[in-house]
Amino acid sequence: MSKNFEKVKSFYNADLWSEGMVRNAVDRWITVDEFLKIPGKEYENKKE
């Protein structure tokens, strides 16, 4: 697990980050597999 996974997850769960912000963290702070665990959706590389 990435060292920033829990941080990103907590930001998302506290409504501090949108799904798009979590998507932007992929390959920087979290992995594609970890993305699925946060918003519960498959990762799609698209801009918001």
N, C-alpha and C. Protein backbone atom coordinates (compact mmCIF):
# COMPACT_ATOMS: atom_id res chain seq x y z
N MET A 1 0.84 -1.18 0.00
CA MET A 1 0.00 0.00 0.00
C MET A 1 0.89 1.25 0.00
N SER A 2 0.50 2.23 -0.77
CA SER A 2 1.24 3.48 -0.85
C SER A 2 1.25 4.19 0.49
N LYS A 3 2.32 4.93 0.73
CA LYS A 3 2.41 5.62 2.02
C LYS A 3 1.36 6.72 2.15
N ASN A 4 0.80 7.20 1.06
CA ASN A 4 -0.21 8.27 1.11
C ASN A 4 -1.64 7.77 0.94
N PHE A 5 -1.83 6.45 0.84
CA PHE A 5 -3.18 5.93 0.62
C PHE A 5 -4.16 6.38 1.70
N GLU A 6 -3.80 6.19 2.96
CA GLU A 6 -4.70 6.54 4.06
C GLU A 6 -4.99 8.04 4.08
N LYS A 7 -4.01 8.84 3.74
CA LYS A 7 -4.19 10.29 3.70
C LYS A 7 -5.20 10.67 2.62
N VAL A 8 -5.02 10.12 1.42
CA VAL A 8 -5.94 10.42 0.31
C VAL A 8 -7.34 9.93 0.65
N LYS A 9 -7.44 8.74 1.20
CA LYS A 9 -8.74 8.17 1.57
C LYS A 9 -9.44 9.04 2.61
N SER A 10 -8.69 9.51 3.60
CA SER A 10 -9.30 10.34 4.65
C SER A 10 -9.74 11.69 4.08
N PHE A 11 -8.97 12.27 3.17
CA PHE A 11 -9.37 13.53 2.54
C PHE A 11 -10.68 13.34 1.76
N TYR A 12 -10.77 12.23 1.03
CA TYR A 12 -11.97 11.96 0.23
C TYR A 12 -13.18 11.71 1.14
N ASN A 13 -12.99 10.91 2.17
CA ASN A 13 -14.10 10.59 3.08
C ASN A 13 -14.57 11.80 3.88
N ALA A 14 -13.70 12.77 4.09
CA ALA A 14 -14.07 13.99 4.81
C ALA A 14 -14.61 15.07 3.87
N ASP A 15 -14.82 14.69 2.61
CA ASP A 15 -15.30 15.62 1.58
C ASP A 15 -14.36 16.79 1.34
N LEU A 16 -13.08 16.59 1.61
CA LEU A 16 -12.08 17.62 1.32
C LEU A 16 -11.57 17.48 -0.11
N TRP A 17 -11.63 16.27 -0.63
CA TRP A 17 -11.21 15.99 -2.00
C TRP A 17 -12.38 15.40 -2.78
N SER A 18 -12.49 15.80 -4.05
CA SER A 18 -13.49 15.22 -4.95
C SER A 18 -12.92 13.95 -5.57
N GLU A 19 -13.77 13.23 -6.27
CA GLU A 19 -13.30 12.03 -6.98
C GLU A 19 -12.24 12.41 -8.01
N GLY A 20 -12.41 13.55 -8.65
CA GLY A 20 -11.43 14.01 -9.63
C GLY A 20 -10.07 14.28 -9.00
N MET A 21 -10.07 14.79 -7.80
CA MET A 21 -8.81 15.05 -7.10
C MET A 21 -8.12 13.73 -6.75
N VAL A 22 -8.92 12.74 -6.36
CA VAL A 22 -8.35 11.42 -6.07
C VAL A 22 -7.79 10.83 -7.35
N ARG A 23 -8.52 10.99 -8.46
CA ARG A 23 -8.04 10.49 -9.76
C ARG A 23 -6.71 11.14 -10.12
N ASN A 24 -6.56 12.42 -9.83
CA ASN A 24 -5.31 13.12 -10.14
C ASN A 24 -4.16 12.64 -9.27
N ALA A 25 -4.45 12.02 -8.15
CA ALA A 25 -3.40 11.51 -7.26
C ALA A 25 -2.84 10.17 -7.73
N VAL A 26 -3.52 9.52 -8.68
CA VAL A 26 -3.05 8.23 -9.19
C VAL A 26 -1.71 8.43 -9.89
N ASP A 27 -0.79 7.54 -9.61
CA ASP A 27 0.58 7.56 -10.12
C ASP A 27 1.44 8.65 -9.48
N ARG A 28 0.86 9.44 -8.60
CA ARG A 28 1.64 10.42 -7.84
C ARG A 28 1.65 10.01 -6.37
N TRP A 29 0.46 9.82 -5.81
CA TRP A 29 0.33 9.48 -4.39
C TRP A 29 -0.22 8.07 -4.18
N ILE A 30 -1.06 7.59 -5.09
CA ILE A 30 -1.69 6.27 -4.95
C ILE A 30 -1.59 5.51 -6.27
N THR A 31 -1.91 4.22 -6.21
CA THR A 31 -1.90 3.39 -7.41
C THR A 31 -3.31 3.30 -8.00
N VAL A 32 -3.39 2.77 -9.21
CA VAL A 32 -4.69 2.55 -9.85
C VAL A 32 -5.55 1.61 -9.00
N ASP A 33 -4.94 0.55 -8.46
CA ASP A 33 -5.69 -0.40 -7.63
C ASP A 33 -6.21 0.26 -6.36
N GLU A 34 -5.44 1.16 -5.80
CA GLU A 34 -5.89 1.86 -4.59
C GLU A 34 -7.02 2.83 -4.90
N PHE A 35 -7.03 3.39 -6.09
CA PHE A 35 -8.12 4.29 -6.49
C PHE A 35 -9.47 3.58 -6.32
N LEU A 36 -9.55 2.34 -6.76
CA LEU A 36 -10.79 1.57 -6.67
C LEU A 36 -11.28 1.48 -5.23
N LYS A 37 -10.38 1.43 -4.28
CA LYS A 37 -10.74 1.28 -2.87
C LYS A 37 -11.25 2.58 -2.25
N ILE A 38 -11.02 3.70 -2.89
CA ILE A 38 -11.42 4.99 -2.29
C ILE A 38 -12.83 5.38 -2.75
N PRO A 39 -13.06 5.72 -4.03
CA PRO A 39 -14.44 6.05 -4.40
C PRO A 39 -15.27 4.82 -4.77
N GLY A 40 -14.63 3.66 -4.88
CA GLY A 40 -15.37 2.44 -5.22
C GLY A 40 -15.71 2.33 -6.69
N LYS A 41 -14.96 3.03 -7.52
CA LYS A 41 -15.19 3.00 -8.97
C LYS A 41 -13.90 2.63 -9.67
N GLU A 42 -14.02 2.11 -10.88
CA GLU A 42 -12.85 1.81 -11.70
C GLU A 42 -12.17 3.11 -12.09
N TYR A 43 -10.86 3.06 -12.20
CA TYR A 43 -10.09 4.24 -12.60
C TYR A 43 -10.22 4.47 -14.09
N GLU A 44 -10.57 5.68 -14.46
CA GLU A 44 -10.57 6.11 -15.85
C GLU A 44 -9.77 7.39 -15.90
N ASN A 45 -8.81 7.44 -16.77
CA ASN A 45 -7.96 8.64 -16.88
C ASN A 45 -8.70 9.69 -17.68
N LYS A 46 -9.45 10.53 -17.00
CA LYS A 46 -10.16 11.61 -17.67
C LYS A 46 -10.03 12.86 -16.82
N LYS A 47 -10.16 13.99 -17.45
CA LYS A 47 -10.05 15.26 -16.74
C LYS A 47 -11.43 15.74 -16.34
N GLU A 48 -11.47 16.35 -15.16
CA GLU A 48 -12.74 16.87 -14.66
C GLU A 48 -12.83 18.35 -14.88
